[in-house]
Amino acid sequence: MTIDERLEELDIILPNPPSPAANYVTIKRVGNLMYTSGQDARQNGELLYKGKLGQNISTEEGYQSARNTILNCLSLLKSELGSLDKVKQIVRLTGYVNSTDDFMEQPLVINGASDLLVEIFGEKGKHVRSAISTNSLPFGISVEIELIVEINE
């Protein structure tokens, strides 16, 4: 089964690849590794989850935010590679969670991205990761995610 077939089976449509918000590139290839810039949960330029976990965003909404965010990362990969079947493995995910000082469920939030990667890629989707709390993120986003992916030549 191709990754496109798997996405269709999961009823997932990748969004259009996001554009950079400043003077940087959204994705860069170095050898057989692809690096994404930090992405958020936007669709058609509209932010889906704005706010802070532990304040006005629930853990469940944060989970969905991470899930939507990883779809933007995957859309960047597909636009650069032409096909997600070129993904050999997801290597690393770094997730930043805009949260209050007493919010402690960052790993549960970032599970939204990790779970989806495994749903889509199976064993190739398992990765190392960090789920980092931060007191603020650009534009008031709730979650920001960066990916490192190994690709087949």
C-alpha atoms as a PDB file:
ATOM      1  CA  MET A   1       0.000   0.000   0.000  1.00  0.00           C
ATOM      2  CA  THR A   2       1.345   3.444  -0.903  1.00  0.00           C
ATOM      3  CA  ILE A   3       1.327   6.292   1.586  1.00  0.00           C
ATOM      4  CA  ASP A   4      -1.258   8.115  -0.564  1.00  0.00           C
ATOM      5  CA  GLU A   5      -3.490   5.020  -0.358  1.00  0.00           C
ATOM      6  CA  ARG A   6      -2.939   4.897   3.400  1.00  0.00           C
ATOM      7  CA  LEU A   7      -3.893   8.585   3.727  1.00  0.00           C
ATOM      8  CA  GLU A   8      -7.045   7.933   1.705  1.00  0.00           C
ATOM      9  CA  GLU A   9      -7.871   4.922   3.909  1.00  0.00           C
ATOM     10  CA  LEU A  10      -7.505   7.171   6.986  1.00  0.00           C
ATOM     11  CA  ASP A  11      -9.653   9.844   5.278  1.00  0.00           C
ATOM     12  CA  ILE A  12      -6.802  12.366   5.464  1.00  0.00           C
ATOM     13  CA  ILE A  13      -6.288  15.094   2.890  1.00  0.00           C
ATOM     14  CA  LEU A  14      -2.989  16.917   3.197  1.00  0.00           C
ATOM     15  CA  PRO A  15      -3.307  20.714   3.249  1.00  0.00           C
ATOM     16  CA  ASN A  16      -1.450  22.939   0.811  1.00  0.00           C
ATOM     17  CA  PRO A  17       2.173  23.387   1.909  1.00  0.00           C
ATOM     18  CA  PRO A  18       2.538  26.408   4.191  1.00  0.00           C
ATOM     19  CA  SER A  19       4.613  29.401   3.164  1.00  0.00           C
ATOM     20  CA  PRO A  20       7.353  30.814   5.377  1.00  0.00           C
ATOM     21  CA  ALA A  21       6.312  33.635   7.708  1.00  0.00           C
ATOM     22  CA  ALA A  22       9.721  35.352   7.501  1.00  0.00           C
ATOM     23  CA  ASN A  23      13.148  35.069   5.880  1.00  0.00           C
ATOM     24  CA  TYR A  24      13.709  31.273   5.999  1.00  0.00           C
ATOM     25  CA  VAL A  25      12.849  28.138   4.046  1.00  0.00           C
ATOM     26  CA  THR A  26      10.184  25.723   5.218  1.00  0.00           C
ATOM     27  CA  ILE A  27      12.104  22.581   4.315  1.00  0.00           C
ATOM     28  CA  LYS A  28      15.729  21.760   3.588  1.00  0.00           C
ATOM     29  CA  ARG A  29      17.486  18.635   2.382  1.00  0.00           C
ATOM     30  CA  VAL A  30      20.954  17.749   3.662  1.00  0.00           C
ATOM     31  CA  GLY A  31      22.174  14.460   2.192  1.00  0.00           C
ATOM     32  CA  ASN A  32      19.433  11.928   2.792  1.00  0.00           C
ATOM     33  CA  LEU A  33      17.829  13.928   5.621  1.00  0.00           C
ATOM     34  CA  MET A  34      14.950  16.390   5.306  1.00  0.00           C
ATOM     35  CA  TYR A  35      14.472  19.082   7.959  1.00  0.00           C
ATOM     36  CA  THR A  36      11.255  21.040   8.336  1.00  0.00           C
ATOM     37  CA  SER A  37      11.054  24.462   9.889  1.00  0.00           C
ATOM     38  CA  GLY A  38       8.710  24.764  12.828  1.00  0.00           C
ATOM     39  CA  GLN A  39       5.110  24.377  11.666  1.00  0.00           C
ATOM     40  CA  ASP A  40       1.780  25.116  13.293  1.00  0.00           C
ATOM     41  CA  ALA A  41      -1.858  24.084  12.881  1.00  0.00           C
ATOM     42  CA  ARG A  42      -3.007  26.291  10.010  1.00  0.00           C
ATOM     43  CA  GLN A  43      -5.345  25.464   7.189  1.00  0.00           C
ATOM     44  CA  ASN A  44      -5.513  27.826   4.230  1.00  0.00           C
ATOM     45  CA  GLY A  45      -3.604  30.407   6.264  1.00  0.00           C
ATOM     46  CA  GLU A  46      -6.083  30.274   9.161  1.00  0.00           C
ATOM     47  CA  LEU A  47      -4.810  29.316  12.618  1.00  0.00           C
ATOM     48  CA  LEU A  48      -6.924  26.482  14.032  1.00  0.00           C
ATOM     49  CA  TYR A  49      -5.860  26.572  17.695  1.00  0.00           C
ATOM     50  CA  LYS A  50      -4.678  29.841  19.166  1.00  0.00           C
ATOM     51  CA  GLY A  51      -3.821  30.081  22.827  1.00  0.00           C
ATOM     52  CA  LYS A  52      -2.153  28.421  25.741  1.00  0.00           C
ATOM     53  CA  LEU A  53      -2.533  24.901  27.113  1.00  0.00           C
ATOM     54  CA  GLY A  54      -3.713  25.044  30.707  1.00  0.00           C
ATOM     55  CA  GLN A  55      -5.452  28.355  30.034  1.00  0.00           C
ATOM     56  CA  ASN A  56      -7.833  28.397  27.047  1.00  0.00           C
ATOM     57  CA  ILE A  57      -6.756  25.254  25.135  1.00  0.00           C
ATOM     58  CA  SER A  58      -7.540  21.784  26.529  1.00  0.00           C
ATOM     59  CA  THR A  59      -5.202  18.803  26.307  1.00  0.00           C
ATOM     60  CA  GLU A  60      -7.575  17.251  23.745  1.00  0.00           C
ATOM     61  CA  GLU A  61      -7.518  20.418  21.624  1.00  0.00           C
ATOM     62  CA  GLY A  62      -3.721  20.470  21.937  1.00  0.00           C
ATOM     63  CA  TYR A  63      -3.633  16.860  20.716  1.00  0.00           C
ATOM     64  CA  GLN A  64      -5.679  17.882  17.660  1.00  0.00           C
ATOM     65  CA  SER A  65      -3.441  20.912  17.142  1.00  0.00           C
ATOM     66  CA  ALA A  66      -0.365  18.642  17.069  1.00  0.00           C
ATOM     67  CA  ARG A  67      -2.169  16.294  14.682  1.00  0.00           C
ATOM     68  CA  ASN A  68      -3.008  19.162  12.309  1.00  0.00           C
ATOM     69  CA  THR A  69       0.511  20.542  12.648  1.00  0.00           C
ATOM     70  CA  ILE A  70       2.132  17.277  11.566  1.00  0.00           C
ATOM     71  CA  LEU A  71      -0.068  17.292   8.452  1.00  0.00           C
ATOM     72  CA  ASN A  72       1.559  20.599   7.476  1.00  0.00           C
ATOM     73  CA  CYS A  73       4.990  19.020   7.966  1.00  0.00           C
ATOM     74  CA  LEU A  74       3.952  16.097   5.754  1.00  0.00           C
ATOM     75  CA  SER A  75       2.590  18.435   3.078  1.00  0.00           C
ATOM     76  CA  LEU A  76       6.015  20.128   2.955  1.00  0.00           C
ATOM     77  CA  LEU A  77       7.721  16.757   2.580  1.00  0.00           C
ATOM     78  CA  LYS A  78       5.369  15.661  -0.177  1.00  0.00           C
ATOM     79  CA  SER A  79       5.773  18.945  -2.065  1.00  0.00           C
ATOM     80  CA  GLU A  80       9.565  18.630  -1.908  1.00  0.00           C
ATOM     81  CA  LEU A  81       9.844  14.881  -2.600  1.00  0.00           C
ATOM     82  CA  GLY A  82       6.873  14.361  -4.912  1.00  0.00           C
ATOM     83  CA  SER A  83       5.815  11.311  -2.886  1.00  0.00           C
ATOM     84  CA  LEU A  84       5.778  10.367   0.773  1.00  0.00           C
ATOM     85  CA  ASP A  85       6.757   6.849  -0.300  1.00  0.00           C
ATOM     86  CA  LYS A  86      10.330   8.214  -0.414  1.00  0.00           C
ATOM     87  CA  VAL A  87      10.295   8.474   3.394  1.00  0.00           C
ATOM     88  CA  LYS A  88      12.617   5.817   4.794  1.00  0.00           C
ATOM     89  CA  GLN A  89      11.853   6.715   8.402  1.00  0.00           C
ATOM     90  CA  ILE A  90      10.793   9.542  10.665  1.00  0.00           C
ATOM     91  CA  VAL A  91      13.930  10.240  12.715  1.00  0.00           C
ATOM     92  CA  ARG A  92      13.082  13.032  15.164  1.00  0.00           C
ATOM     93  CA  LEU A  93      10.126  15.147  16.166  1.00  0.00           C
ATOM     94  CA  THR A  94      10.556  18.217  18.332  1.00  0.00           C
ATOM     95  CA  GLY A  95       7.303  19.597  19.709  1.00  0.00           C
ATOM     96  CA  TYR A  96       6.867  22.911  21.501  1.00  0.00           C
ATOM     97  CA  VAL A  97       3.739  23.447  23.578  1.00  0.00           C
ATOM     98  CA  ASN A  98       2.608  26.956  24.523  1.00  0.00           C
ATOM     99  CA  SER A  99       1.568  26.263  28.101  1.00  0.00           C
ATOM    100  CA  THR A 100       1.038  27.730  31.538  1.00  0.00           C
ATOM    101  CA  ASP A 101       3.614  27.126  34.276  1.00  0.00           C
ATOM    102  CA  ASP A 102       1.457  24.463  35.926  1.00  0.00           C
ATOM    103  CA  PHE A 103       0.514  22.532  32.740  1.00  0.00           C
ATOM    104  CA  MET A 104       2.340  19.187  32.746  1.00  0.00           C
ATOM    105  CA  GLU A 105       0.748  17.244  29.852  1.00  0.00           C
ATOM    106  CA  GLN A 106       3.052  18.303  26.999  1.00  0.00           C
ATOM    107  CA  PRO A 107       3.784  14.654  26.062  1.00  0.00           C
ATOM    108  CA  LEU A 108       0.039  13.943  25.767  1.00  0.00           C
ATOM    109  CA  VAL A 109      -0.334  16.939  23.451  1.00  0.00           C
ATOM    110  CA  ILE A 110       2.568  15.943  21.186  1.00  0.00           C
ATOM    111  CA  ASN A 111       1.164  12.398  21.048  1.00  0.00           C
ATOM    112  CA  GLY A 112      -1.272  13.858  18.502  1.00  0.00           C
ATOM    113  CA  ALA A 113       1.601  14.115  16.027  1.00  0.00           C
ATOM    114  CA  SER A 114       3.417  10.937  17.067  1.00  0.00           C
ATOM    115  CA  ASP A 115       0.276   8.799  16.943  1.00  0.00           C
ATOM    116  CA  LEU A 116      -0.592  10.048  13.461  1.00  0.00           C
ATOM    117  CA  LEU A 117       2.919   9.397  12.119  1.00  0.00           C
ATOM    118  CA  VAL A 118       2.701   5.781  13.293  1.00  0.00           C
ATOM    119  CA  GLU A 119      -0.846   5.452  11.862  1.00  0.00           C
ATOM    120  CA  ILE A 120       0.424   6.622   8.477  1.00  0.00           C
ATOM    121  CA  PHE A 121       3.924   5.114   8.264  1.00  0.00           C
ATOM    122  CA  GLY A 122       3.749   2.146  10.654  1.00  0.00           C
ATOM    123  CA  GLU A 123       7.163   1.172  12.050  1.00  0.00           C
ATOM    124  CA  LYS A 124       8.844   3.783   9.822  1.00  0.00           C
ATOM    125  CA  GLY A 125       6.836   6.427  11.695  1.00  0.00           C
ATOM    126  CA  LYS A 126       8.359   5.631  15.119  1.00  0.00           C
ATOM    127  CA  HIS A 127      10.809   8.342  16.124  1.00  0.00           C
ATOM    128  CA  VAL A 128      12.715   9.973  18.938  1.00  0.00           C
ATOM    129  CA  ARG A 129      11.180  13.171  20.219  1.00  0.00           C
ATOM    130  CA  SER A 130      11.041  15.964  22.713  1.00  0.00           C
ATOM    131  CA  ALA A 131       7.883  17.599  24.060  1.00  0.00           C
ATOM    132  CA  ILE A 132       8.965  20.996  25.334  1.00  0.00           C
ATOM    133  CA  SER A 133       6.961  23.515  27.326  1.00  0.00           C
ATOM    134  CA  THR A 134       7.309  27.150  26.394  1.00  0.00           C
ATOM    135  CA  ASN A 135       5.606  30.228  27.823  1.00  0.00           C
ATOM    136  CA  SER A 136       4.954  31.718  24.379  1.00  0.00           C
ATOM    137  CA  LEU A 137       5.014  30.812  20.682  1.00  0.00           C
ATOM    138  CA  PRO A 138       4.842  33.069  17.608  1.00  0.00           C
ATOM    139  CA  PHE A 139       1.399  34.421  16.672  1.00  0.00           C
ATOM    140  CA  GLY A 140      -0.125  32.820  19.794  1.00  0.00           C
ATOM    141  CA  ILE A 141       0.018  29.311  18.299  1.00  0.00           C
ATOM    142  CA  SER A 142      -0.575  26.459  20.725  1.00  0.00           C
ATOM    143  CA  VAL A 143       1.851  23.920  19.208  1.00  0.00           C
ATOM    144  CA  GLU A 144       4.919  24.106  16.975  1.00  0.00           C
ATOM    145  CA  ILE A 145       6.593  21.022  15.488  1.00  0.00           C
ATOM    146  CA  GLU A 146       9.851  20.383  13.637  1.00  0.00           C
ATOM    147  CA  LEU A 147      10.647  17.091  11.877  1.00  0.00           C
ATOM    148  CA  ILE A 148      13.789  15.333  10.730  1.00  0.00           C
ATOM    149  CA  VAL A 149      13.110  12.600   8.175  1.00  0.00           C
ATOM    150  CA  GLU A 150      15.437  10.143   6.451  1.00  0.00           C
ATOM    151  CA  ILE A 151      14.582   9.587   2.803  1.00  0.00           C
ATOM    152  CA  ASN A 152      15.419   6.906   0.273  1.00  0.00           C
ATOM    153  CA  GLU A 153      17.666   8.099  -2.517  1.00  0.00           C
END
